[in-house]
N, C-alpha and C. Protein backbone atom coordinates (compact mmCIF):
# COMPACT_ATOMS: atom_id res chain seq x y z
N UNK A 1 98.78 217.91 -77.73
CA UNK A 1 98.99 216.74 -77.15
C UNK A 1 100.09 216.72 -76.67
N UNK A 2 100.50 216.33 -75.16
CA UNK A 2 101.87 216.30 -74.65
C UNK A 2 102.87 215.07 -75.34
N UNK A 3 104.14 215.25 -74.47
CA UNK A 3 105.06 214.47 -75.10
C UNK A 3 104.71 213.12 -74.43
N UNK A 4 104.23 213.00 -73.34
CA UNK A 4 104.06 211.66 -72.49
C UNK A 4 102.79 210.95 -73.60
N UNK A 5 101.59 211.69 -73.81
CA UNK A 5 100.65 211.14 -74.62
C UNK A 5 100.87 210.64 -76.16
N UNK A 6 102.14 211.69 -76.63
CA UNK A 6 102.49 211.23 -78.04
C UNK A 6 103.21 209.72 -77.85
N UNK A 7 103.98 209.73 -76.95
CA UNK A 7 104.77 208.29 -76.49
C UNK A 7 103.92 207.02 -76.16
N UNK A 8 102.75 207.32 -75.89
CA UNK A 8 101.90 206.28 -75.36
C UNK A 8 101.07 206.15 -76.62
N UNK A 9 100.79 207.00 -77.31
CA UNK A 9 99.87 206.71 -78.43
C UNK A 9 100.68 205.88 -79.45
N UNK A 10 101.83 205.91 -79.57
CA UNK A 10 102.81 205.61 -80.62
C UNK A 10 102.97 204.31 -80.19
N UNK A 11 103.12 204.04 -78.87
CA UNK A 11 103.15 202.35 -78.57
C UNK A 11 102.17 201.61 -78.52
N UNK A 12 101.04 202.23 -78.50
CA UNK A 12 99.69 201.56 -79.04
C UNK A 12 99.68 200.96 -80.30
N UNK A 13 99.87 201.85 -81.20
CA UNK A 13 99.72 201.78 -82.60
C UNK A 13 101.11 200.81 -82.94
N UNK A 14 101.76 200.57 -82.32
CA UNK A 14 103.15 199.70 -82.48
C UNK A 14 102.33 198.41 -82.13
N UNK A 15 101.97 198.40 -81.09
CA UNK A 15 101.45 197.15 -80.47
C UNK A 15 100.23 196.55 -81.37
N UNK A 16 99.50 197.50 -81.75
CA UNK A 16 98.28 197.20 -82.75
C UNK A 16 99.04 196.28 -83.93
N UNK A 17 100.09 197.21 -84.61
CA UNK A 17 100.42 196.71 -85.57
C UNK A 17 101.07 194.97 -85.39
N UNK A 18 101.74 194.92 -84.44
CA UNK A 18 102.50 193.59 -84.25
C UNK A 18 101.62 192.57 -83.90
N UNK A 19 100.31 193.17 -82.96
CA UNK A 19 99.18 192.15 -83.05
C UNK A 19 98.36 191.81 -84.05
N UNK A 20 98.08 192.49 -84.87
CA UNK A 20 97.45 191.83 -86.35
C UNK A 20 98.57 191.21 -87.17
N UNK A 21 100.06 191.15 -86.95
CA UNK A 21 100.70 190.31 -87.88
C UNK A 21 100.82 188.94 -86.82
N UNK A 22 100.90 189.20 -85.60
CA UNK A 22 100.44 187.95 -85.07
C UNK A 22 99.56 187.47 -85.49
N UNK A 23 98.25 187.60 -85.48
CA UNK A 23 97.00 186.99 -85.79
C UNK A 23 97.11 186.60 -87.22
N UNK A 24 97.88 187.09 -88.02
CA UNK A 24 97.95 186.81 -89.39
C UNK A 24 99.22 185.49 -89.65
N UNK A 25 99.59 185.31 -88.53
CA UNK A 25 100.71 184.00 -89.06
C UNK A 25 102.15 184.42 -89.51
N UNK A 26 102.41 185.73 -89.12
CA UNK A 26 103.70 185.91 -89.35
C UNK A 26 105.08 185.32 -88.92
N UNK A 27 105.90 185.08 -89.20
CA UNK A 27 107.15 184.14 -88.55
C UNK A 27 107.53 185.24 -87.53
N UNK A 28 108.30 184.62 -86.69
CA UNK A 28 109.08 185.33 -85.43
C UNK A 28 109.83 186.37 -86.12
N UNK A 29 110.75 186.03 -86.94
CA UNK A 29 111.55 186.84 -88.07
C UNK A 29 110.90 188.23 -88.49
N UNK A 30 109.86 187.96 -88.92
CA UNK A 30 109.23 188.67 -89.47
C UNK A 30 108.49 190.11 -88.57
N UNK A 31 108.34 189.51 -87.43
CA UNK A 31 108.01 190.12 -86.11
C UNK A 31 109.24 191.08 -85.56
N UNK A 32 110.36 190.21 -85.73
CA UNK A 32 111.41 191.00 -85.00
C UNK A 32 111.69 192.16 -86.18
N UNK A 33 111.85 192.13 -87.22
CA UNK A 33 112.06 192.91 -88.07
C UNK A 33 110.96 194.16 -88.45
N UNK A 34 109.79 193.82 -88.28
CA UNK A 34 109.06 194.84 -87.85
C UNK A 34 109.24 195.72 -86.53
N UNK A 35 109.04 195.20 -85.69
CA UNK A 35 109.27 195.64 -84.26
C UNK A 35 110.75 196.38 -84.45
N UNK A 36 111.79 196.16 -84.84
CA UNK A 36 112.60 196.98 -85.01
C UNK A 36 112.65 198.22 -85.99
N UNK A 37 111.79 197.80 -86.89
CA UNK A 37 111.78 199.19 -88.19
C UNK A 37 110.94 200.08 -87.01
N UNK A 38 109.68 199.61 -86.37
CA UNK A 38 108.59 200.43 -85.55
C UNK A 38 109.43 201.25 -84.27
N UNK A 39 110.62 200.67 -84.28
CA UNK A 39 111.22 201.31 -83.00
C UNK A 39 111.90 202.23 -83.61
N UNK A 40 112.77 202.04 -84.75
CA UNK A 40 113.18 203.31 -85.89
C UNK A 40 112.84 204.51 -86.21
N UNK A 41 111.07 204.28 -86.42
CA UNK A 41 110.43 204.87 -87.03
C UNK A 41 109.92 205.94 -85.98
N UNK A 42 109.60 205.03 -84.70
CA UNK A 42 109.28 205.81 -83.41
C UNK A 42 110.24 206.75 -82.94
N UNK A 43 111.50 206.09 -82.82
CA UNK A 43 112.63 207.59 -82.29
C UNK A 43 112.59 208.66 -83.27
N UNK A 44 112.88 208.18 -84.65
CA UNK A 44 113.04 209.48 -85.59
C UNK A 44 111.79 210.21 -85.51
N UNK A 45 110.47 209.69 -85.43
CA UNK A 45 109.13 210.68 -85.52
C UNK A 45 109.21 211.32 -84.19
N UNK A 46 109.57 210.88 -83.17
CA UNK A 46 109.69 211.43 -81.76
C UNK A 46 110.75 212.57 -81.61
N UNK A 47 111.48 212.35 -82.54
CA UNK A 47 112.64 213.61 -82.42
C UNK A 47 111.90 214.73 -83.46
N UNK A 48 111.23 214.21 -84.10
CA UNK A 48 110.82 215.47 -85.04
C UNK A 48 109.39 216.02 -84.55
N UNK A 49 108.56 214.92 -83.84
CA UNK A 49 107.20 215.42 -83.58
C UNK A 49 107.70 216.14 -82.15
N UNK A 50 108.44 216.16 -81.63
CA UNK A 50 108.65 216.82 -80.23
C UNK A 50 108.71 218.21 -80.28
N UNK A 51 109.17 218.77 -81.40
CA UNK A 51 108.87 220.40 -82.04
C UNK A 51 107.59 220.54 -82.26
N UNK A 52 106.62 219.57 -82.60
CA UNK A 52 105.40 219.79 -83.00
C UNK A 52 104.36 219.81 -81.50
N UNK A 53 104.87 219.35 -80.35
CA UNK A 53 104.08 218.97 -79.22
C UNK A 53 103.79 220.65 -78.43
N UNK A 54 102.77 220.75 -77.98
CA UNK A 54 102.43 221.56 -77.34
C UNK A 54 103.08 221.49 -75.84
N UNK A 55 103.81 222.21 -75.24
CA UNK A 55 104.12 222.08 -74.00
C UNK A 55 103.31 222.48 -72.70
């Protein structure tokens, strides 16, 4: 997997999580908190994961 595919897949997963939360009736505040958390996890994961990506 290259870095572009890694980014794309991470974004898709994050969007699915937010979609599930919206369908479950979560508040806007909860959606904001999870979105922020996913961004932090994504950024940290990308920094670590990019060492594992085949160039």
